[in-house]
Amino acid sequence: MKYRRRAEIVDAVQWWKVGDHPAVVCYGGGRWICRQCGRVNMDHGLVKMVNEPICPGDWVVKARNRGLFIMKPAEFEAEYEKV
């Protein structure tokens, strides 16, 4: 889907599980509870290109001038509108 931030149009996908976005792989490694969302590690993914974990519900955003990055839902909704 396409979303607009002021004068910038980006591609964005809200991530819920492995398979929702090709840049996200399964995040393993031990058993822990996420401090940001309170879910177990097996519910999370790892965004390969930026080597960052992603929580269910976060947005994977691809912008021309900034590449690929992750945004929390509230931050995404405050900055972008659907095109």
N, C-alpha and C. Protein backbone atom coordinates (compact mmCIF):
# COMPACT_ATOMS: atom_id res chain seq x y z
N MET A 1 0.83 -1.17 0.00
CA MET A 1 0.00 0.00 0.00
C MET A 1 0.88 1.24 0.00
N LYS A 2 0.35 2.32 -0.46
CA LYS A 2 1.07 3.59 -0.49
C LYS A 2 0.53 4.51 0.60
N TYR A 3 1.44 5.24 1.24
CA TYR A 3 1.08 6.22 2.26
C TYR A 3 1.88 7.49 2.00
N ARG A 4 1.32 8.65 2.41
CA ARG A 4 1.97 9.92 2.16
C ARG A 4 2.34 10.60 3.47
N ARG A 5 3.54 11.15 3.51
CA ARG A 5 4.02 11.96 4.63
C ARG A 5 4.34 13.32 4.04
N ARG A 6 3.51 14.26 4.35
CA ARG A 6 3.64 15.59 3.76
C ARG A 6 3.84 15.46 2.26
N ALA A 7 5.04 15.75 1.75
CA ALA A 7 5.28 15.66 0.31
C ALA A 7 5.96 14.35 -0.08
N GLU A 8 6.11 13.44 0.86
CA GLU A 8 6.83 12.19 0.61
C GLU A 8 5.86 11.01 0.57
N ILE A 9 5.95 10.21 -0.47
CA ILE A 9 5.15 8.99 -0.56
C ILE A 9 6.08 7.80 -0.30
N VAL A 10 5.65 6.90 0.58
CA VAL A 10 6.46 5.74 0.96
C VAL A 10 5.64 4.47 0.77
N ASP A 11 6.34 3.34 0.69
CA ASP A 11 5.70 2.03 0.75
C ASP A 11 5.75 1.60 2.21
N ALA A 12 4.65 1.09 2.74
CA ALA A 12 4.62 0.67 4.14
C ALA A 12 3.72 -0.54 4.32
N VAL A 13 4.15 -1.44 5.22
CA VAL A 13 3.39 -2.64 5.55
C VAL A 13 3.35 -2.76 7.07
N GLN A 14 2.17 -2.95 7.63
CA GLN A 14 2.08 -3.20 9.06
C GLN A 14 2.39 -4.67 9.28
N TRP A 15 3.38 -4.94 10.13
CA TRP A 15 3.88 -6.29 10.32
C TRP A 15 3.21 -6.95 11.52
N TRP A 16 2.73 -8.19 11.31
CA TRP A 16 2.10 -8.95 12.40
C TRP A 16 2.78 -10.29 12.63
N LYS A 17 3.35 -10.88 11.56
CA LYS A 17 3.97 -12.20 11.69
C LYS A 17 4.96 -12.41 10.55
N VAL A 18 5.87 -13.37 10.73
CA VAL A 18 6.83 -13.71 9.69
C VAL A 18 6.05 -14.07 8.42
N GLY A 19 6.46 -13.51 7.31
CA GLY A 19 5.76 -13.71 6.04
C GLY A 19 5.01 -12.48 5.58
N ASP A 20 4.79 -11.52 6.47
CA ASP A 20 4.08 -10.29 6.10
C ASP A 20 4.95 -9.35 5.26
N HIS A 21 6.27 -9.42 5.41
CA HIS A 21 7.18 -8.56 4.65
C HIS A 21 8.45 -9.37 4.35
N PRO A 22 8.96 -9.32 3.12
CA PRO A 22 10.12 -10.14 2.76
C PRO A 22 11.41 -9.76 3.49
N ALA A 23 11.51 -8.56 4.05
CA ALA A 23 12.73 -8.14 4.76
C ALA A 23 12.75 -8.61 6.21
N VAL A 24 11.67 -9.24 6.68
CA VAL A 24 11.58 -9.66 8.09
C VAL A 24 11.71 -11.18 8.18
N VAL A 25 12.62 -11.63 9.05
CA VAL A 25 12.81 -13.06 9.30
C VAL A 25 12.44 -13.36 10.74
N CYS A 26 12.37 -14.64 11.08
CA CYS A 26 12.04 -15.07 12.44
C CYS A 26 13.12 -14.61 13.41
N TYR A 27 12.71 -14.08 14.53
CA TYR A 27 13.64 -13.60 15.56
C TYR A 27 13.66 -14.63 16.68
N GLY A 28 14.74 -15.35 16.79
CA GLY A 28 14.85 -16.38 17.82
C GLY A 28 15.82 -15.96 18.90
N GLY A 29 16.38 -16.90 19.55
CA GLY A 29 17.42 -16.62 20.53
C GLY A 29 16.92 -16.47 21.95
N GLY A 30 16.80 -17.57 22.65
CA GLY A 30 16.40 -17.51 24.05
C GLY A 30 14.92 -17.25 24.24
N ARG A 31 14.57 -17.06 25.49
CA ARG A 31 13.18 -16.75 25.83
C ARG A 31 13.18 -15.47 26.64
N TRP A 32 12.45 -14.49 26.17
CA TRP A 32 12.37 -13.22 26.86
C TRP A 32 11.05 -12.55 26.53
N ILE A 33 10.72 -11.55 27.34
CA ILE A 33 9.52 -10.74 27.14
C ILE A 33 9.99 -9.37 26.65
N CYS A 34 9.37 -8.88 25.60
CA CYS A 34 9.73 -7.58 25.02
C CYS A 34 9.31 -6.45 25.95
N ARG A 35 10.21 -5.50 26.20
CA ARG A 35 9.92 -4.36 27.05
C ARG A 35 8.97 -3.37 26.38
N GLN A 36 8.91 -3.39 25.04
CA GLN A 36 8.07 -2.43 24.33
C GLN A 36 6.62 -2.90 24.20
N CYS A 37 6.43 -4.19 23.91
CA CYS A 37 5.05 -4.65 23.66
C CYS A 37 4.56 -5.72 24.64
N GLY A 38 5.46 -6.29 25.45
CA GLY A 38 5.06 -7.27 26.45
C GLY A 38 4.84 -8.68 25.91
N ARG A 39 5.16 -8.91 24.65
CA ARG A 39 4.98 -10.24 24.05
C ARG A 39 6.29 -11.02 24.09
N VAL A 40 6.19 -12.35 23.93
CA VAL A 40 7.38 -13.21 23.95
C VAL A 40 8.18 -13.05 22.66
N ASN A 41 9.47 -13.40 22.72
CA ASN A 41 10.35 -13.20 21.58
C ASN A 41 9.90 -13.94 20.33
N MET A 42 9.24 -15.05 20.45
CA MET A 42 8.83 -15.83 19.28
C MET A 42 7.76 -15.11 18.46
N ASP A 43 7.12 -14.09 19.03
CA ASP A 43 6.13 -13.30 18.30
C ASP A 43 6.79 -12.20 17.47
N HIS A 44 8.10 -12.04 17.60
CA HIS A 44 8.82 -10.94 16.96
C HIS A 44 9.53 -11.39 15.69
N GLY A 45 9.92 -10.39 14.90
CA GLY A 45 10.72 -10.63 13.71
C GLY A 45 11.99 -9.82 13.78
N LEU A 46 12.86 -10.04 12.81
CA LEU A 46 14.09 -9.28 12.69
C LEU A 46 14.14 -8.71 11.28
N VAL A 47 14.25 -7.40 11.18
CA VAL A 47 14.35 -6.75 9.87
C VAL A 47 15.80 -6.88 9.43
N LYS A 48 16.03 -7.73 8.42
CA LYS A 48 17.39 -8.08 8.00
C LYS A 48 18.22 -6.88 7.58
N MET A 49 17.67 -5.98 6.81
CA MET A 49 18.45 -4.88 6.23
C MET A 49 18.96 -3.89 7.28
N VAL A 50 18.24 -3.75 8.38
CA VAL A 50 18.67 -2.81 9.43
C VAL A 50 19.07 -3.53 10.71
N ASN A 51 18.94 -4.87 10.72
CA ASN A 51 19.30 -5.71 11.86
C ASN A 51 18.64 -5.24 13.15
N GLU A 52 17.34 -4.97 13.08
CA GLU A 52 16.57 -4.52 14.24
C GLU A 52 15.37 -5.42 14.45
N PRO A 53 15.03 -5.72 15.72
CA PRO A 53 13.81 -6.49 15.98
C PRO A 53 12.57 -5.65 15.71
N ILE A 54 11.48 -6.34 15.39
CA ILE A 54 10.21 -5.66 15.12
C ILE A 54 9.12 -6.34 15.93
N CYS A 55 8.26 -5.54 16.55
CA CYS A 55 7.14 -6.05 17.33
C CYS A 55 5.92 -6.20 16.43
N PRO A 56 5.01 -7.14 16.77
CA PRO A 56 3.77 -7.23 16.01
C PRO A 56 3.03 -5.89 16.04
N GLY A 57 2.55 -5.45 14.89
CA GLY A 57 1.84 -4.19 14.79
C GLY A 57 2.70 -3.02 14.33
N ASP A 58 4.05 -3.16 14.41
CA ASP A 58 4.94 -2.11 13.93
C ASP A 58 4.85 -2.02 12.40
N TRP A 59 5.29 -0.90 11.86
CA TRP A 59 5.29 -0.66 10.42
C TRP A 59 6.69 -0.79 9.86
N VAL A 60 6.81 -1.49 8.73
CA VAL A 60 8.05 -1.52 7.95
C VAL A 60 7.85 -0.49 6.84
N VAL A 61 8.69 0.54 6.82
CA VAL A 61 8.53 1.67 5.90
C VAL A 61 9.75 1.75 4.99
N LYS A 62 9.49 1.94 3.71
CA LYS A 62 10.57 2.12 2.74
C LYS A 62 10.41 3.48 2.08
N ALA A 63 11.38 4.37 2.33
CA ALA A 63 11.37 5.71 1.76
C ALA A 63 12.56 5.85 0.82
N ARG A 64 12.37 6.61 -0.24
CA ARG A 64 13.45 6.78 -1.22
C ARG A 64 14.73 7.32 -0.61
N ASN A 65 14.62 8.37 0.18
CA ASN A 65 15.83 9.01 0.69
C ASN A 65 16.32 8.46 2.03
N ARG A 66 15.54 7.58 2.67
CA ARG A 66 15.95 7.05 3.98
C ARG A 66 16.05 5.53 4.01
N GLY A 67 15.72 4.86 2.94
CA GLY A 67 15.79 3.41 2.93
C GLY A 67 14.69 2.77 3.76
N LEU A 68 15.00 1.64 4.36
CA LEU A 68 14.04 0.85 5.13
C LEU A 68 14.18 1.17 6.61
N PHE A 69 13.05 1.38 7.30
CA PHE A 69 13.09 1.62 8.74
C PHE A 69 11.78 1.15 9.38
N ILE A 70 11.78 1.09 10.71
CA ILE A 70 10.64 0.60 11.49
C ILE A 70 10.01 1.78 12.23
N MET A 71 8.67 1.78 12.28
CA MET A 71 7.96 2.80 13.06
C MET A 71 6.91 2.14 13.93
N LYS A 72 6.72 2.66 15.13
CA LYS A 72 5.64 2.22 16.00
C LYS A 72 4.32 2.72 15.43
N PRO A 73 3.21 2.01 15.69
CA PRO A 73 1.91 2.39 15.11
C PRO A 73 1.50 3.83 15.38
N ALA A 74 1.62 4.32 16.59
CA ALA A 74 1.19 5.69 16.91
C ALA A 74 2.00 6.72 16.15
N GLU A 75 3.29 6.50 16.05
CA GLU A 75 4.17 7.40 15.31
C GLU A 75 3.82 7.41 13.82
N PHE A 76 3.58 6.21 13.26
CA PHE A 76 3.23 6.11 11.84
C PHE A 76 1.92 6.83 11.55
N GLU A 77 0.92 6.58 12.37
CA GLU A 77 -0.40 7.19 12.16
C GLU A 77 -0.37 8.70 12.30
N ALA A 78 0.54 9.23 13.13
CA ALA A 78 0.65 10.67 13.32
C ALA A 78 1.34 11.35 12.12
N GLU A 79 2.18 10.60 11.40
CA GLU A 79 2.96 11.21 10.32
C GLU A 79 2.49 10.90 8.91
N TYR A 80 1.72 9.83 8.73
CA TYR A 80 1.36 9.41 7.39
C TYR A 80 -0.14 9.31 7.21
N GLU A 81 -0.58 9.49 5.98
CA GLU A 81 -1.98 9.26 5.63
C GLU A 81 -2.01 8.39 4.39
N LYS A 82 -3.03 7.55 4.29
CA LYS A 82 -3.16 6.64 3.15
C LYS A 82 -3.42 7.42 1.87
N VAL A 83 -2.77 6.99 0.79
CA VAL A 83 -2.93 7.65 -0.51
C VAL A 83 -3.99 6.93 -1.31
